[in-house]
Amino acid sequence: MKTYTFLIGTHDDFETLDELLNWFENGTVSANGWGAVGRTTPNASAFEFEAPAGLDRDLLVYIGRGIAFSNDWCMDDTFSTMIEGSLDKTESGQMSDEDDSRDYAAPV
């Protein structure tokens, strides 16, 4: 089994997927993001799950979306992606910048 984390956040709080990733890596976003409107935390969630190693990436994204959608998230007006590993910075595989690891939700 291998650990994966599905990240999701709203377009209201993040202007780009990079800002969402930056929030989970460092706890910060640009001055134009959620901090500019006086909120203390953005609307974002991380869902960690385990799946068999070697499973197709598309299937892993579907699993992550299923977990997020079961927790009242949707694809409308959100950015989302899946990373290998957990958000614990001591694990390898943290926050890949590879283009094929990014999955954008469709804006409405």
N, C-alpha and C. Protein backbone atom coordinates (compact mmCIF):
# COMPACT_ATOMS: atom_id res chain seq x y z
N MET A 1 0.85 -1.18 0.00
CA MET A 1 0.00 0.00 0.00
C MET A 1 0.89 1.24 0.00
N LYS A 2 0.36 2.28 -0.61
CA LYS A 2 1.08 3.54 -0.72
C LYS A 2 0.15 4.67 -0.26
N THR A 3 0.73 5.72 0.33
CA THR A 3 -0.06 6.84 0.83
C THR A 3 -0.11 7.96 -0.21
N TYR A 4 -1.29 8.53 -0.38
CA TYR A 4 -1.53 9.66 -1.28
C TYR A 4 -2.33 10.72 -0.52
N THR A 5 -2.25 11.95 -0.98
CA THR A 5 -3.03 13.04 -0.38
C THR A 5 -3.69 13.84 -1.49
N PHE A 6 -4.99 14.00 -1.40
CA PHE A 6 -5.76 14.81 -2.35
C PHE A 6 -5.97 16.19 -1.74
N LEU A 7 -5.57 17.24 -2.44
CA LEU A 7 -5.68 18.62 -1.98
C LEU A 7 -6.74 19.34 -2.79
N ILE A 8 -7.56 20.15 -2.14
CA ILE A 8 -8.60 20.90 -2.83
C ILE A 8 -8.82 22.23 -2.13
N GLY A 9 -9.08 23.27 -2.91
CA GLY A 9 -9.36 24.60 -2.37
C GLY A 9 -10.18 25.42 -3.34
N THR A 10 -10.85 26.44 -2.85
CA THR A 10 -11.76 27.23 -3.68
C THR A 10 -11.05 28.30 -4.49
N HIS A 11 -11.64 28.66 -5.63
CA HIS A 11 -11.14 29.76 -6.44
C HIS A 11 -11.24 31.08 -5.69
N ASP A 12 -12.18 31.19 -4.74
CA ASP A 12 -12.31 32.42 -3.95
C ASP A 12 -11.08 32.69 -3.12
N ASP A 13 -10.41 31.63 -2.67
CA ASP A 13 -9.27 31.78 -1.77
C ASP A 13 -7.92 31.58 -2.44
N PHE A 14 -7.90 30.97 -3.61
CA PHE A 14 -6.65 30.71 -4.31
C PHE A 14 -6.80 31.11 -5.77
N GLU A 15 -5.86 31.92 -6.26
CA GLU A 15 -5.92 32.36 -7.66
C GLU A 15 -5.37 31.32 -8.62
N THR A 16 -4.49 30.46 -8.13
CA THR A 16 -3.87 29.44 -8.97
C THR A 16 -3.68 28.15 -8.17
N LEU A 17 -3.41 27.07 -8.88
CA LEU A 17 -3.09 25.82 -8.22
C LEU A 17 -1.79 25.97 -7.43
N ASP A 18 -0.85 26.76 -7.95
CA ASP A 18 0.40 26.97 -7.23
C ASP A 18 0.17 27.60 -5.87
N GLU A 19 -0.80 28.51 -5.77
CA GLU A 19 -1.12 29.11 -4.47
C GLU A 19 -1.68 28.06 -3.51
N LEU A 20 -2.51 27.16 -4.03
CA LEU A 20 -3.03 26.09 -3.19
C LEU A 20 -1.89 25.22 -2.67
N LEU A 21 -0.99 24.83 -3.56
CA LEU A 21 0.16 24.03 -3.16
C LEU A 21 1.03 24.77 -2.15
N ASN A 22 1.22 26.07 -2.38
CA ASN A 22 2.03 26.89 -1.47
C ASN A 22 1.39 26.95 -0.08
N TRP A 23 0.06 27.03 -0.03
CA TRP A 23 -0.63 27.05 1.26
C TRP A 23 -0.32 25.77 2.04
N PHE A 24 -0.40 24.63 1.37
CA PHE A 24 -0.15 23.37 2.07
C PHE A 24 1.33 23.17 2.39
N GLU A 25 2.22 23.74 1.59
CA GLU A 25 3.65 23.64 1.87
C GLU A 25 4.09 24.60 2.96
N ASN A 26 3.63 25.85 2.87
CA ASN A 26 4.18 26.92 3.72
C ASN A 26 3.15 27.68 4.55
N GLY A 27 1.87 27.49 4.28
CA GLY A 27 0.85 28.22 5.02
C GLY A 27 0.66 29.65 4.56
N THR A 28 1.07 29.96 3.31
CA THR A 28 0.94 31.33 2.81
C THR A 28 0.37 31.34 1.39
N VAL A 29 -0.27 32.45 1.03
CA VAL A 29 -0.70 32.72 -0.34
C VAL A 29 -0.40 34.17 -0.64
N SER A 30 -0.65 34.61 -1.87
CA SER A 30 -0.34 35.98 -2.25
C SER A 30 -1.22 36.98 -1.51
N ALA A 31 -0.84 38.23 -1.54
CA ALA A 31 -1.60 39.29 -0.87
C ALA A 31 -2.99 39.46 -1.46
N ASN A 32 -3.20 39.00 -2.68
CA ASN A 32 -4.52 39.10 -3.32
C ASN A 32 -5.45 37.97 -2.92
N GLY A 33 -4.95 36.99 -2.19
CA GLY A 33 -5.75 35.83 -1.82
C GLY A 33 -6.60 36.07 -0.59
N TRP A 34 -6.91 34.99 0.14
CA TRP A 34 -7.83 35.05 1.28
C TRP A 34 -7.37 36.01 2.36
N GLY A 35 -6.07 36.20 2.53
CA GLY A 35 -5.57 37.11 3.57
C GLY A 35 -5.93 38.56 3.31
N ALA A 36 -6.14 38.90 2.03
CA ALA A 36 -6.47 40.29 1.68
C ALA A 36 -7.87 40.67 2.13
N VAL A 37 -8.73 39.69 2.37
CA VAL A 37 -10.09 39.99 2.80
C VAL A 37 -10.27 39.79 4.31
N GLY A 38 -9.18 39.63 5.02
CA GLY A 38 -9.22 39.57 6.47
C GLY A 38 -9.58 38.22 7.07
N ARG A 39 -9.57 37.15 6.29
CA ARG A 39 -9.86 35.82 6.84
C ARG A 39 -8.59 35.21 7.40
N THR A 40 -8.74 34.39 8.40
CA THR A 40 -7.57 33.79 9.02
C THR A 40 -7.13 32.48 8.36
N THR A 41 -8.05 31.76 7.72
CA THR A 41 -7.70 30.53 7.03
C THR A 41 -8.48 30.43 5.72
N PRO A 42 -7.86 29.86 4.70
CA PRO A 42 -8.56 29.68 3.43
C PRO A 42 -9.47 28.47 3.47
N ASN A 43 -10.36 28.38 2.51
CA ASN A 43 -11.25 27.24 2.38
C ASN A 43 -10.53 26.18 1.56
N ALA A 44 -9.88 25.26 2.24
CA ALA A 44 -9.11 24.20 1.59
C ALA A 44 -9.09 22.98 2.49
N SER A 45 -8.91 21.82 1.88
CA SER A 45 -8.85 20.58 2.65
C SER A 45 -7.83 19.63 2.03
N ALA A 46 -7.31 18.75 2.87
CA ALA A 46 -6.41 17.68 2.43
C ALA A 46 -6.99 16.36 2.91
N PHE A 47 -7.03 15.38 2.02
CA PHE A 47 -7.57 14.07 2.34
C PHE A 47 -6.52 13.01 2.04
N GLU A 48 -6.01 12.39 3.08
CA GLU A 48 -4.99 11.37 2.93
C GLU A 48 -5.66 9.99 2.83
N PHE A 49 -5.15 9.17 1.93
CA PHE A 49 -5.68 7.82 1.77
C PHE A 49 -4.58 6.88 1.31
N GLU A 50 -4.83 5.59 1.45
CA GLU A 50 -3.90 4.57 0.99
C GLU A 50 -4.53 3.78 -0.14
N ALA A 51 -3.67 3.41 -1.09
CA ALA A 51 -4.11 2.61 -2.23
C ALA A 51 -2.94 1.71 -2.64
N PRO A 52 -3.23 0.64 -3.37
CA PRO A 52 -2.16 -0.24 -3.81
C PRO A 52 -1.12 0.50 -4.66
N ALA A 53 0.14 0.20 -4.44
CA ALA A 53 1.22 0.79 -5.24
C ALA A 53 1.03 0.36 -6.69
N GLY A 54 1.32 1.24 -7.61
CA GLY A 54 1.22 0.92 -9.03
C GLY A 54 -0.15 1.14 -9.63
N LEU A 55 -1.10 1.61 -8.84
CA LEU A 55 -2.44 1.89 -9.36
C LEU A 55 -2.38 3.07 -10.34
N ASP A 56 -3.17 3.02 -11.39
CA ASP A 56 -3.19 4.08 -12.40
C ASP A 56 -3.48 5.44 -11.76
N ARG A 57 -2.76 6.46 -12.19
CA ARG A 57 -2.91 7.80 -11.62
C ARG A 57 -4.34 8.32 -11.75
N ASP A 58 -4.98 8.10 -12.88
CA ASP A 58 -6.36 8.57 -13.05
C ASP A 58 -7.29 7.95 -12.01
N LEU A 59 -7.10 6.67 -11.73
CA LEU A 59 -7.92 6.01 -10.72
C LEU A 59 -7.65 6.59 -9.33
N LEU A 60 -6.39 6.91 -9.05
CA LEU A 60 -6.05 7.54 -7.76
C LEU A 60 -6.72 8.90 -7.61
N VAL A 61 -6.76 9.68 -8.70
CA VAL A 61 -7.43 10.98 -8.66
C VAL A 61 -8.93 10.79 -8.42
N TYR A 62 -9.51 9.79 -9.07
CA TYR A 62 -10.95 9.51 -8.84
C TYR A 62 -11.21 9.14 -7.38
N ILE A 63 -10.32 8.37 -6.79
CA ILE A 63 -10.48 8.03 -5.37
C ILE A 63 -10.41 9.29 -4.52
N GLY A 64 -9.42 10.14 -4.79
CA GLY A 64 -9.28 11.39 -4.04
C GLY A 64 -10.50 12.29 -4.20
N ARG A 65 -11.00 12.41 -5.42
CA ARG A 65 -12.20 13.21 -5.65
C ARG A 65 -13.40 12.62 -4.93
N GLY A 66 -13.53 11.30 -4.96
CA GLY A 66 -14.63 10.66 -4.27
C GLY A 66 -14.63 10.97 -2.78
N ILE A 67 -13.45 10.94 -2.18
CA ILE A 67 -13.34 11.28 -0.76
C ILE A 67 -13.71 12.73 -0.53
N ALA A 68 -13.18 13.63 -1.39
CA ALA A 68 -13.49 15.07 -1.24
C ALA A 68 -14.98 15.33 -1.46
N PHE A 69 -15.55 14.74 -2.49
CA PHE A 69 -16.98 14.96 -2.78
C PHE A 69 -17.86 14.39 -1.67
N SER A 70 -17.41 13.34 -1.01
CA SER A 70 -18.15 12.78 0.12
C SER A 70 -18.07 13.68 1.35
N ASN A 71 -17.17 14.65 1.29
CA ASN A 71 -17.00 15.61 2.39
C ASN A 71 -17.46 17.00 1.97
N ASP A 72 -18.49 17.05 1.12
CA ASP A 72 -19.16 18.29 0.70
C ASP A 72 -18.36 19.19 -0.22
N TRP A 73 -17.33 18.68 -0.89
CA TRP A 73 -16.63 19.43 -1.91
C TRP A 73 -17.24 19.09 -3.27
N CYS A 74 -16.96 19.94 -4.28
CA CYS A 74 -17.35 19.64 -5.66
C CYS A 74 -16.28 20.19 -6.58
N MET A 75 -16.39 19.93 -7.86
CA MET A 75 -15.40 20.42 -8.81
C MET A 75 -15.62 21.88 -9.18
N ASP A 76 -16.83 22.38 -9.00
CA ASP A 76 -17.14 23.75 -9.39
C ASP A 76 -16.31 24.74 -8.58
N ASP A 77 -15.62 25.63 -9.29
CA ASP A 77 -14.86 26.72 -8.68
C ASP A 77 -13.83 26.25 -7.67
N THR A 78 -13.16 25.15 -7.96
CA THR A 78 -12.09 24.67 -7.09
C THR A 78 -10.85 24.32 -7.90
N PHE A 79 -9.71 24.34 -7.22
CA PHE A 79 -8.47 23.77 -7.74
C PHE A 79 -8.24 22.50 -6.93
N SER A 80 -7.72 21.47 -7.57
CA SER A 80 -7.40 20.26 -6.83
C SER A 80 -6.23 19.54 -7.49
N THR A 81 -5.55 18.74 -6.69
CA THR A 81 -4.45 17.93 -7.17
C THR A 81 -4.24 16.79 -6.20
N MET A 82 -3.46 15.81 -6.61
CA MET A 82 -3.13 14.70 -5.75
C MET A 82 -1.62 14.58 -5.69
N ILE A 83 -1.10 14.34 -4.50
CA ILE A 83 0.34 14.16 -4.34
C ILE A 83 0.60 12.78 -3.75
N GLU A 84 1.77 12.26 -4.02
CA GLU A 84 2.18 11.01 -3.39
C GLU A 84 2.69 11.32 -2.00
N GLY A 85 2.34 10.49 -1.05
CA GLY A 85 2.79 10.69 0.32
C GLY A 85 1.80 11.53 1.11
N SER A 86 2.21 11.85 2.32
CA SER A 86 1.37 12.66 3.18
C SER A 86 1.91 14.09 3.21
N LEU A 87 1.23 14.95 3.94
CA LEU A 87 1.69 16.33 4.06
C LEU A 87 2.83 16.47 5.06
N ASP A 88 3.19 15.40 5.71
CA ASP A 88 4.32 15.40 6.63
C ASP A 88 5.58 15.67 5.81
N LYS A 89 6.27 16.76 6.08
CA LYS A 89 7.41 17.17 5.26
C LYS A 89 8.61 16.24 5.40
N THR A 90 8.55 15.28 6.31
CA THR A 90 9.68 14.37 6.45
C THR A 90 9.63 13.23 5.43
N GLU A 91 8.49 13.06 4.77
CA GLU A 91 8.36 11.98 3.79
C GLU A 91 8.82 12.46 2.41
N SER A 92 9.37 11.54 1.64
CA SER A 92 9.73 11.88 0.27
C SER A 92 8.48 11.89 -0.59
N GLY A 93 8.57 12.51 -1.77
CA GLY A 93 7.43 12.56 -2.67
C GLY A 93 6.52 13.73 -2.38
N GLN A 94 6.96 14.63 -1.53
CA GLN A 94 6.16 15.78 -1.13
C GLN A 94 6.04 16.79 -2.27
N MET A 95 4.85 17.22 -2.58
CA MET A 95 4.56 18.34 -3.46
C MET A 95 5.38 18.36 -4.75
N SER A 96 5.10 17.48 -5.63
CA SER A 96 5.77 17.44 -6.92
C SER A 96 5.36 18.61 -7.78
N ASP A 97 6.30 19.21 -8.50
CA ASP A 97 5.99 20.31 -9.41
C ASP A 97 5.83 19.83 -10.85
N GLU A 98 5.78 18.52 -11.06
CA GLU A 98 5.63 18.01 -12.41
C GLU A 98 4.26 18.36 -12.95
N ASP A 99 4.21 18.81 -14.22
CA ASP A 99 2.95 19.23 -14.82
C ASP A 99 1.91 18.12 -14.83
N ASP A 100 2.33 16.86 -15.00
CA ASP A 100 1.34 15.79 -15.08
C ASP A 100 0.77 15.42 -13.73
N SER A 101 1.27 16.02 -12.65
CA SER A 101 0.73 15.71 -11.33
C SER A 101 -0.35 16.69 -10.92
N ARG A 102 -0.69 17.61 -11.80
CA ARG A 102 -1.68 18.63 -11.46
C ARG A 102 -3.00 18.33 -12.17
N ASP A 103 -4.07 18.43 -11.41
CA ASP A 103 -5.38 18.15 -11.94
C ASP A 103 -6.28 19.33 -11.62
N TYR A 104 -6.68 20.06 -12.63
CA TYR A 104 -7.48 21.24 -12.42
C TYR A 104 -8.96 20.91 -12.49
N ALA A 105 -9.71 21.48 -11.60
CA ALA A 105 -11.16 21.34 -11.66
C ALA A 105 -11.70 22.39 -12.61
N ALA A 106 -12.84 22.12 -13.17
CA ALA A 106 -13.44 23.02 -14.17
C ALA A 106 -14.15 24.19 -13.50
N PRO A 107 -13.75 25.43 -13.83
CA PRO A 107 -14.49 26.58 -13.28
C PRO A 107 -15.85 26.72 -13.95
N VAL A 108 -16.79 27.28 -13.24
CA VAL A 108 -18.13 27.46 -13.78
C VAL A 108 -18.37 28.93 -14.03
